[in-house]
Amino acid sequence: MARRKTRASGGPSNEALRIARTIAYYGACLDRGVTHEQARALWAHDMTRPFTVCSGDMPLALLARLEAEAQRDAGTST
Protein backbone atom coordinates (compact mmCIF):
# COMPACT_ATOMS: atom_id res chain seq x y z
CA MET A 1 0.00 0.00 0.00
CA ALA A 2 2.79 2.41 0.85
CA ARG A 3 4.47 1.73 -2.47
CA ARG A 4 1.27 2.56 -4.33
CA LYS A 5 0.91 5.89 -2.53
CA THR A 6 4.54 6.81 -3.21
CA ARG A 7 4.23 5.99 -6.88
CA ALA A 8 0.98 7.93 -7.25
CA SER A 9 2.50 11.01 -5.66
CA GLY A 10 5.49 10.81 -8.04
CA GLY A 11 3.38 11.50 -11.12
CA PRO A 12 2.13 9.31 -13.91
CA SER A 13 3.96 6.22 -15.04
CA ASN A 14 5.94 6.06 -18.23
CA GLU A 15 3.17 3.86 -19.63
CA ALA A 16 0.54 6.53 -18.93
CA LEU A 17 2.67 9.12 -20.72
CA ARG A 18 3.26 6.80 -23.67
CA ILE A 19 -0.47 6.22 -24.04
CA ALA A 20 -1.22 9.94 -23.69
CA ARG A 21 1.39 10.78 -26.35
CA THR A 22 -0.12 8.22 -28.71
CA ILE A 23 -3.59 9.71 -28.20
CA ALA A 24 -2.20 13.22 -28.77
CA TYR A 25 -0.59 11.98 -32.00
CA TYR A 26 -3.90 10.61 -33.29
CA GLY A 27 -5.68 13.82 -32.32
CA ALA A 28 -3.12 15.92 -34.15
CA CYS A 29 -3.43 13.87 -37.31
CA LEU A 30 -7.22 14.03 -37.27
CA ASP A 31 -7.94 17.53 -36.00
CA ARG A 32 -5.07 19.87 -36.72
CA GLY A 33 -4.33 19.43 -40.38
CA VAL A 34 -0.89 17.93 -39.86
CA THR A 35 0.78 17.11 -43.17
CA HIS A 36 1.41 13.53 -44.19
CA GLU A 37 5.17 13.98 -43.76
CA GLN A 38 4.70 15.40 -40.26
CA ALA A 39 2.37 12.54 -39.33
CA ARG A 40 4.97 10.03 -40.50
CA ALA A 41 7.68 11.73 -38.42
CA LEU A 42 5.43 11.75 -35.38
CA TRP A 43 4.51 8.09 -35.86
CA ALA A 44 8.21 7.15 -36.08
CA HIS A 45 8.84 9.02 -32.83
CA ASP A 46 9.46 6.89 -29.72
CA MET A 47 6.36 7.65 -27.65
CA THR A 48 8.27 7.00 -24.43
CA ARG A 49 10.20 10.23 -25.04
CA PRO A 50 8.77 13.76 -25.04
CA PHE A 51 7.56 15.13 -28.37
CA THR A 52 9.92 18.07 -27.94
CA VAL A 53 12.84 15.75 -28.80
CA CYS A 54 11.17 14.49 -31.99
CA SER A 55 13.55 14.28 -34.90
CA GLY A 56 12.78 15.74 -38.27
CA ASP A 57 11.66 19.10 -39.52
CA MET A 58 8.71 19.64 -37.18
CA PRO A 59 7.31 22.98 -36.01
CA LEU A 60 8.38 23.45 -32.40
CA ALA A 61 5.00 24.98 -31.55
CA LEU A 62 3.25 21.78 -32.68
CA LEU A 63 5.62 19.59 -30.68
CA ALA A 64 5.24 21.72 -27.56
CA ARG A 65 1.46 21.71 -27.89
CA LEU A 66 1.35 17.92 -28.31
CA GLU A 67 3.62 17.36 -25.32
CA ALA A 68 1.59 19.75 -23.14
CA GLU A 69 -1.59 17.91 -24.14
CA ALA A 70 -0.04 14.52 -23.35
CA GLN A 71 1.26 15.72 -19.98
CA ARG A 72 -2.14 17.16 -19.11
CA ASP A 73 -3.98 13.99 -20.15
CA ALA A 74 -1.54 11.80 -18.21
CA GLY A 75 -2.11 13.88 -15.10
CA THR A 76 1.02 16.03 -14.86
CA SER A 77 1.76 19.65 -15.46
CA THR A 78 4.47 20.96 -17.76
PDB file of N, CA and C in Angstrom:
ATOM      1  N   MET A   1       0.826  -1.194   0.000  1.00  0.00           N
ATOM      2  CA  MET A   1       0.000   0.000   0.000  1.00  0.00           C
ATOM      3  C   MET A   1       0.868   1.254   0.000  1.00  0.00           C
ATOM      4  N   ALA A   2       1.917   1.239   0.793  1.00  0.00           N
ATOM      5  CA  ALA A   2       2.791   2.410   0.850  1.00  0.00           C
ATOM      6  C   ALA A   2       3.464   2.644  -0.497  1.00  0.00           C
ATOM      7  N   ARG A   3       3.828   1.574  -1.169  1.00  0.00           N
ATOM      8  CA  ARG A   3       4.467   1.725  -2.469  1.00  0.00           C
ATOM      9  C   ARG A   3       3.508   2.371  -3.462  1.00  0.00           C
ATOM     10  N   ARG A   4       2.257   1.987  -3.422  1.00  0.00           N
ATOM     11  CA  ARG A   4       1.267   2.557  -4.331  1.00  0.00           C
ATOM     12  C   ARG A   4       1.095   4.050  -4.086  1.00  0.00           C
ATOM     13  N   LYS A   5       1.050   4.469  -2.838  1.00  0.00           N
ATOM     14  CA  LYS A   5       0.910   5.894  -2.532  1.00  0.00           C
ATOM     15  C   LYS A   5       2.133   6.671  -2.992  1.00  0.00           C
ATOM     16  N   THR A   6       3.314   6.129  -2.793  1.00  0.00           N
ATOM     17  CA  THR A   6       4.536   6.806  -3.208  1.00  0.00           C
ATOM     18  C   THR A   6       4.568   6.957  -4.722  1.00  0.00           C
ATOM     19  N   ARG A   7       4.208   5.921  -5.423  1.00  0.00           N
ATOM     20  CA  ARG A   7       4.226   5.990  -6.880  1.00  0.00           C
ATOM     21  C   ARG A   7       3.189   6.983  -7.395  1.00  0.00           C
ATOM     22  N   ALA A   8       2.022   7.007  -6.808  1.00  0.00           N
ATOM     23  CA  ALA A   8       0.976   7.928  -7.245  1.00  0.00           C
ATOM     24  C   ALA A   8       1.384   9.375  -7.018  1.00  0.00           C
ATOM     25  N   SER A   9       2.089   9.633  -5.939  1.00  0.00           N
ATOM     26  CA  SER A   9       2.502  11.008  -5.663  1.00  0.00           C
ATOM     27  C   SER A   9       3.661  11.443  -6.556  1.00  0.00           C
ATOM     28  N   GLY A  10       4.352  10.496  -7.185  1.00  0.00           N
ATOM     29  CA  GLY A  10       5.485  10.812  -8.037  1.00  0.00           C
ATOM     30  C   GLY A  10       5.099  11.175  -9.457  1.00  0.00           C
ATOM     31  N   GLY A  11       3.830  11.169  -9.770  1.00  0.00           N
ATOM     32  CA  GLY A  11       3.381  11.500 -11.119  1.00  0.00           C
ATOM     33  C   GLY A  11       2.986  10.258 -11.881  1.00  0.00           C
ATOM     34  N   PRO A  12       2.590  10.455 -13.125  1.00  0.00           N
ATOM     35  CA  PRO A  12       2.129   9.310 -13.914  1.00  0.00           C
ATOM     36  C   PRO A  12       3.282   8.403 -14.315  1.00  0.00           C
ATOM     37  N   SER A  13       2.944   7.173 -14.600  1.00  0.00           N
ATOM     38  CA  SER A  13       3.965   6.216 -15.036  1.00  0.00           C
ATOM     39  C   SER A  13       4.386   6.517 -16.468  1.00  0.00           C
ATOM     40  N   ASN A  14       5.478   5.917 -16.851  1.00  0.00           N
ATOM     41  CA  ASN A  14       5.941   6.057 -18.235  1.00  0.00           C
ATOM     42  C   ASN A  14       4.900   5.510 -19.198  1.00  0.00           C
ATOM     43  N   GLU A  15       4.207   4.447 -18.782  1.00  0.00           N
ATOM     44  CA  GLU A  15       3.174   3.858 -19.632  1.00  0.00           C
ATOM     45  C   GLU A  15       2.019   4.832 -19.848  1.00  0.00           C
ATOM     46  N   ALA A  16       1.621   5.541 -18.798  1.00  0.00           N
ATOM     47  CA  ALA A  16       0.544   6.528 -18.928  1.00  0.00           C
ATOM     48  C   ALA A  16       0.959   7.645 -19.884  1.00  0.00           C
ATOM     49  N   LEU A  17       2.185   8.085 -19.800  1.00  0.00           N
ATOM     50  CA  LEU A  17       2.668   9.125 -20.717  1.00  0.00           C
ATOM     51  C   LEU A  17       2.752   8.609 -22.149  1.00  0.00           C
ATOM     52  N   ARG A  18       3.190   7.378 -22.326  1.00  0.00           N
ATOM     53  CA  ARG A  18       3.262   6.797 -23.672  1.00  0.00           C
ATOM     54  C   ARG A  18       1.874   6.736 -24.302  1.00  0.00           C
ATOM     55  N   ILE A  19       0.898   6.298 -23.537  1.00  0.00           N
ATOM     56  CA  ILE A  19      -0.470   6.221 -24.042  1.00  0.00           C
ATOM     57  C   ILE A  19      -1.000   7.614 -24.350  1.00  0.00           C
ATOM     58  N   ALA A  20      -0.747   8.565 -23.464  1.00  0.00           N
ATOM     59  CA  ALA A  20      -1.221   9.938 -23.685  1.00  0.00           C
ATOM     60  C   ALA A  20      -0.564  10.549 -24.919  1.00  0.00           C
ATOM     61  N   ARG A  21       0.717  10.262 -25.150  1.00  0.00           N
ATOM     62  CA  ARG A  21       1.387  10.783 -26.353  1.00  0.00           C
ATOM     63  C   ARG A  21       0.806  10.154 -27.615  1.00  0.00           C
ATOM     64  N   THR A  22       0.479   8.877 -27.552  1.00  0.00           N
ATOM     65  CA  THR A  22      -0.123   8.218 -28.708  1.00  0.00           C
ATOM     66  C   THR A  22      -1.484   8.822 -29.023  1.00  0.00           C
ATOM     67  N   ILE A  23      -2.277   9.090 -28.007  1.00  0.00           N
ATOM     68  CA  ILE A  23      -3.585   9.714 -28.203  1.00  0.00           C
ATOM     69  C   ILE A  23      -3.424  11.123 -28.762  1.00  0.00           C
ATOM     70  N   ALA A  24      -2.451  11.863 -28.255  1.00  0.00           N
ATOM     71  CA  ALA A  24      -2.201  13.218 -28.772  1.00  0.00           C
ATOM     72  C   ALA A  24      -1.785  13.157 -30.238  1.00  0.00           C
ATOM     73  N   TYR A  25      -0.991  12.163 -30.599  1.00  0.00           N
ATOM     74  CA  TYR A  25      -0.590  11.978 -32.003  1.00  0.00           C
ATOM     75  C   TYR A  25      -1.814  11.773 -32.885  1.00  0.00           C
ATOM     76  N   TYR A  26      -2.697  10.868 -32.489  1.00  0.00           N
ATOM     77  CA  TYR A  26      -3.898  10.611 -33.289  1.00  0.00           C
ATOM     78  C   TYR A  26      -4.769  11.853 -33.386  1.00  0.00           C
ATOM     79  N   GLY A  27      -4.903  12.581 -32.288  1.00  0.00           N
ATOM     80  CA  GLY A  27      -5.684  13.816 -32.319  1.00  0.00           C
ATOM     81  C   GLY A  27      -5.097  14.846 -33.259  1.00  0.00           C
ATOM     82  N   ALA A  28      -3.780  14.953 -33.267  1.00  0.00           N
ATOM     83  CA  ALA A  28      -3.115  15.921 -34.150  1.00  0.00           C
ATOM     84  C   ALA A  28      -3.356  15.563 -35.610  1.00  0.00           C
ATOM     85  N   CYS A  29      -3.260  14.291 -35.921  1.00  0.00           N
ATOM     86  CA  CYS A  29      -3.432  13.871 -37.310  1.00  0.00           C
ATOM     87  C   CYS A  29      -4.870  14.056 -37.776  1.00  0.00           C
ATOM     88  N   LEU A  30      -5.817  13.917 -36.889  1.00  0.00           N
ATOM     89  CA  LEU A  30      -7.224  14.028 -37.269  1.00  0.00           C
ATOM     90  C   LEU A  30      -7.744  15.458 -37.237  1.00  0.00           C
ATOM     91  N   ASP A  31      -7.301  16.244 -36.270  1.00  0.00           N
ATOM     92  CA  ASP A  31      -7.942  17.526 -36.004  1.00  0.00           C
ATOM     93  C   ASP A  31      -7.147  18.756 -36.404  1.00  0.00           C
ATOM     94  N   ARG A  32      -5.873  18.652 -36.560  1.00  0.00           N
ATOM     95  CA  ARG A  32      -5.070  19.868 -36.715  1.00  0.00           C
ATOM     96  C   ARG A  32      -4.477  20.052 -38.097  1.00  0.00           C
ATOM     97  N   GLY A  33      -4.851  19.247 -39.038  1.00  0.00           N
ATOM     98  CA  GLY A  33      -4.332  19.434 -40.385  1.00  0.00           C
ATOM     99  C   GLY A  33      -2.846  19.194 -40.513  1.00  0.00           C
ATOM    100  N   VAL A  34      -2.308  18.251 -39.783  1.00  0.00           N
ATOM    101  CA  VAL A  34      -0.888  17.926 -39.860  1.00  0.00           C
ATOM    102  C   VAL A  34      -0.626  17.282 -41.222  1.00  0.00           C
ATOM    103  N   THR A  35       0.454  17.678 -41.862  1.00  0.00           N
ATOM    104  CA  THR A  35       0.775  17.111 -43.173  1.00  0.00           C
ATOM    105  C   THR A  35       1.133  15.636 -43.049  1.00  0.00           C
ATOM    106  N   HIS A  36       1.086  14.960 -44.167  1.00  0.00           N
ATOM    107  CA  HIS A  36       1.410  13.529 -44.186  1.00  0.00           C
ATOM    108  C   HIS A  36       2.850  13.290 -43.718  1.00  0.00           C
ATOM    109  N   GLU A  37       3.765  14.131 -44.149  1.00  0.00           N
ATOM    110  CA  GLU A  37       5.169  13.976 -43.757  1.00  0.00           C
ATOM    111  C   GLU A  37       5.339  14.177 -42.244  1.00  0.00           C
ATOM    112  N   GLN A  38       4.626  15.166 -41.698  1.00  0.00           N
ATOM    113  CA  GLN A  38       4.704  15.402 -40.259  1.00  0.00           C
ATOM    114  C   GLN A  38       4.107  14.227 -39.495  1.00  0.00           C
ATOM    115  N   ALA A  39       2.999  13.690 -39.987  1.00  0.00           N
ATOM    116  CA  ALA A  39       2.372  12.541 -39.328  1.00  0.00           C
ATOM    117  C   ALA A  39       3.309  11.338 -39.326  1.00  0.00           C
ATOM    118  N   ARG A  40       4.017  11.136 -40.434  1.00  0.00           N
ATOM    119  CA  ARG A  40       4.971  10.026 -40.495  1.00  0.00           C
ATOM    120  C   ARG A  40       6.111  10.219 -39.501  1.00  0.00           C
ATOM    121  N   ALA A  41       6.608  11.449 -39.375  1.00  0.00           N
ATOM    122  CA  ALA A  41       7.682  11.732 -38.422  1.00  0.00           C
ATOM    123  C   ALA A  41       7.200  11.527 -36.988  1.00  0.00           C
ATOM    124  N   LEU A  42       5.978  11.942 -36.716  1.00  0.00           N
ATOM    125  CA  LEU A  42       5.428  11.747 -35.377  1.00  0.00           C
ATOM    126  C   LEU A  42       5.226  10.263 -35.084  1.00  0.00           C
ATOM    127  N   TRP A  43       4.747   9.520 -36.075  1.00  0.00           N
ATOM    128  CA  TRP A  43       4.514   8.091 -35.857  1.00  0.00           C
ATOM    129  C   TRP A  43       5.827   7.357 -35.611  1.00  0.00           C
ATOM    130  N   ALA A  44       6.899   7.779 -36.268  1.00  0.00           N
ATOM    131  CA  ALA A  44       8.205   7.148 -36.084  1.00  0.00           C
ATOM    132  C   ALA A  44       8.833   7.519 -34.748  1.00  0.00           C
ATOM    133  N   HIS A  45       8.302   8.555 -34.107  1.00  0.00           N
ATOM    134  CA  HIS A  45       8.840   9.017 -32.829  1.00  0.00           C
ATOM    135  C   HIS A  45       8.611   7.969 -31.740  1.00  0.00           C
ATOM    136  N   ASP A  46       9.574   7.788 -30.869  1.00  0.00           N
ATOM    137  CA  ASP A  46       9.459   6.894 -29.721  1.00  0.00           C
ATOM    138  C   ASP A  46       8.549   7.552 -28.688  1.00  0.00           C
ATOM    139  N   MET A  47       7.359   7.011 -28.509  1.00  0.00           N
ATOM    140  CA  MET A  47       6.361   7.645 -27.648  1.00  0.00           C
ATOM    141  C   MET A  47       6.724   7.610 -26.168  1.00  0.00           C
ATOM    142  N   THR A  48       7.827   6.955 -25.825  1.00  0.00           N
ATOM    143  CA  THR A  48       8.270   6.996 -24.428  1.00  0.00           C
ATOM    144  C   THR A  48       9.098   8.246 -24.150  1.00  0.00           C
ATOM    145  N   ARG A  49       9.422   8.994 -25.198  1.00  0.00           N
ATOM    146  CA  ARG A  49      10.196  10.229 -25.043  1.00  0.00           C
ATOM    147  C   ARG A  49       9.303  11.420 -25.353  1.00  0.00           C
ATOM    148  N   PRO A  50       9.583  12.574 -24.776  1.00  0.00           N
ATOM    149  CA  PRO A  50       8.766  13.762 -25.042  1.00  0.00           C
ATOM    150  C   PRO A  50       8.761  14.131 -26.525  1.00  0.00           C
ATOM    151  N   PHE A  51       7.651  14.684 -26.977  1.00  0.00           N
ATOM    152  CA  PHE A  51       7.557  15.126 -28.369  1.00  0.00           C
ATOM    153  C   PHE A  51       8.598  16.196 -28.690  1.00  0.00           C
ATOM    154  N   THR A  52       8.991  16.964 -27.696  1.00  0.00           N
ATOM    155  CA  THR A  52       9.925  18.067 -27.940  1.00  0.00           C
ATOM    156  C   THR A  52      11.294  17.590 -28.398  1.00  0.00           C
ATOM    157  N   VAL A  53      11.578  16.288 -28.306  1.00  0.00           N
ATOM    158  CA  VAL A  53      12.842  15.748 -28.805  1.00  0.00           C
ATOM    159  C   VAL A  53      12.626  14.952 -30.092  1.00  0.00           C
ATOM    160  N   CYS A  54      11.507  15.172 -30.737  1.00  0.00           N
ATOM    161  CA  CYS A  54      11.171  14.491 -31.985  1.00  0.00           C
ATOM    162  C   CYS A  54      12.135  14.928 -33.080  1.00  0.00           C
ATOM    163  N   SER A  55      12.644  13.948 -33.811  1.00  0.00           N
ATOM    164  CA  SER A  55      13.555  14.281 -34.903  1.00  0.00           C
ATOM    165  C   SER A  55      12.768  14.669 -36.145  1.00  0.00           C
ATOM    166  N   GLY A  56      13.426  15.315 -37.036  1.00  0.00           N
ATOM    167  CA  GLY A  56      12.777  15.736 -38.266  1.00  0.00           C
ATOM    168  C   GLY A  56      12.479  17.220 -38.252  1.00  0.00           C
ATOM    169  N   ASP A  57      11.966  17.688 -39.363  1.00  0.00           N
ATOM    170  CA  ASP A  57      11.657  19.102 -39.525  1.00  0.00           C
ATOM    171  C   ASP A  57      10.215  19.354 -39.074  1.00  0.00           C
ATOM    172  N   MET A  58      10.035  19.469 -37.773  1.00  0.00           N
ATOM    173  CA  MET A  58       8.708  19.636 -37.182  1.00  0.00           C
ATOM    174  C   MET A  58       8.607  21.019 -36.554  1.00  0.00           C
ATOM    175  N   PRO A  59       7.479  21.684 -36.683  1.00  0.00           N
ATOM    176  CA  PRO A  59       7.305  22.976 -36.012  1.00  0.00           C
ATOM    177  C   PRO A  59       7.370  22.797 -34.486  1.00  0.00           C
ATOM    178  N   LEU A  60       8.226  23.568 -33.846  1.00  0.00           N
ATOM    179  CA  LEU A  60       8.378  23.455 -32.396  1.00  0.00           C
ATOM    180  C   LEU A  60       7.079  23.752 -31.658  1.00  0.00           C
ATOM    181  N   ALA A  61       6.274  24.663 -32.194  1.00  0.00           N
ATOM    182  CA  ALA A  61       5.000  24.981 -31.551  1.00  0.00           C
ATOM    183  C   ALA A  61       4.086  23.759 -31.535  1.00  0.00           C
ATOM    184  N   LEU A  62       4.069  22.999 -32.609  1.00  0.00           N
ATOM    185  CA  LEU A  62       3.251  21.785 -32.677  1.00  0.00           C
ATOM    186  C   LEU A  62       3.746  20.763 -31.666  1.00  0.00           C
ATOM    187  N   LEU A  63       5.053  20.559 -31.616  1.00  0.00           N
ATOM    188  CA  LEU A  63       5.616  19.590 -30.680  1.00  0.00           C
ATOM    189  C   LEU A  63       5.344  19.975 -29.238  1.00  0.00           C
ATOM    190  N   ALA A  64       5.502  21.256 -28.924  1.00  0.00           N
ATOM    191  CA  ALA A  64       5.244  21.724 -27.560  1.00  0.00           C
ATOM    192  C   ALA A  64       3.773  21.554 -27.198  1.00  0.00           C
ATOM    193  N   ARG A  65       2.894  21.850 -28.146  1.00  0.00           N
ATOM    194  CA  ARG A  65       1.459  21.706 -27.886  1.00  0.00           C
ATOM    195  C   ARG A  65       1.077  20.242 -27.667  1.00  0.00           C
ATOM    196  N   LEU A  66       1.633  19.348 -28.476  1.00  0.00           N
ATOM    197  CA  LEU A  66       1.346  17.924 -28.312  1.00  0.00           C
ATOM    198  C   LEU A  66       1.860  17.401 -26.977  1.00  0.00           C
ATOM    199  N   GLU A  67       3.064  17.818 -26.594  1.00  0.00           N
ATOM    200  CA  GLU A  67       3.619  17.357 -25.322  1.00  0.00           C
ATOM    201  C   GLU A  67       2.815  17.902 -24.145  1.00  0.00           C
ATOM    202  N   ALA A  68       2.403  19.169 -24.215  1.00  0.00           N
ATOM    203  CA  ALA A  68       1.588  19.745 -23.142  1.00  0.00           C
ATOM    204  C   ALA A  68       0.263  18.999 -23.015  1.00  0.00           C
ATOM    205  N   GLU A  69      -0.331  18.656 -24.150  1.00  0.00           N
ATOM    206  CA  GLU A  69      -1.587  17.906 -24.141  1.00  0.00           C
ATOM    207  C   GLU A  69      -1.394  16.524 -23.528  1.00  0.00           C
ATOM    208  N   ALA A  70      -0.319  15.853 -23.895  1.00  0.00           N
ATOM    209  CA  ALA A  70      -0.039  14.520 -23.353  1.00  0.00           C
ATOM    210  C   ALA A  70       0.215  14.580 -21.851  1.00  0.00           C
ATOM    211  N   GLN A  71       0.986  15.574 -21.415  1.00  0.00           N
ATOM    212  CA  GLN A  71       1.256  15.725 -19.983  1.00  0.00           C
ATOM    213  C   GLN A  71      -0.035  15.982 -19.214  1.00  0.00           C
ATOM    214  N   ARG A  72      -0.873  16.844 -19.767  1.00  0.00           N
ATOM    215  CA  ARG A  72      -2.141  17.160 -19.113  1.00  0.00           C
ATOM    216  C   ARG A  72      -3.030  15.924 -19.027  1.00  0.00           C
ATOM    217  N   ASP A  73      -3.134  15.180 -20.133  1.00  0.00           N
ATOM    218  CA  ASP A  73      -3.980  13.991 -20.154  1.00  0.00           C
ATOM    219  C   ASP A  73      -3.444  12.878 -19.243  1.00  0.00           C
ATOM    220  N   ALA A  74      -2.134  12.821 -19.071  1.00  0.00           N
ATOM    221  CA  ALA A  74      -1.544  11.801 -18.214  1.00  0.00           C
ATOM    222  C   ALA A  74      -1.599  12.205 -16.742  1.00  0.00           C
ATOM    223  N   GLY A  75      -1.951  13.452 -16.482  1.00  0.00           N
ATOM    224  CA  GLY A  75      -2.112  13.885 -15.098  1.00  0.00           C
ATOM    225  C   GLY A  75      -0.949  14.642 -14.516  1.00  0.00           C
ATOM    226  N   THR A  76      -0.088  15.210 -15.357  1.00  0.00           N
ATOM    227  CA  THR A  76       1.018  16.027 -14.862  1.00  0.00           C
ATOM    228  C   THR A  76       0.893  17.425 -15.413  1.00  0.00           C
ATOM    229  N   SER A  77       1.694  18.290 -14.908  1.00  0.00           N
ATOM    230  CA  SER A  77       1.759  19.649 -15.456  1.00  0.00           C
ATOM    231  C   SER A  77       3.104  19.828 -16.097  1.00  0.00           C
ATOM    232  N   THR A  78       3.197  20.736 -17.066  1.00  0.00           N
ATOM    233  CA  THR A  78       4.468  20.959 -17.759  1.00  0.00           C
ATOM    234  C   THR A  78       5.240  22.072 -17.129  1.00  0.00           C
TER     235      THR A  78
END
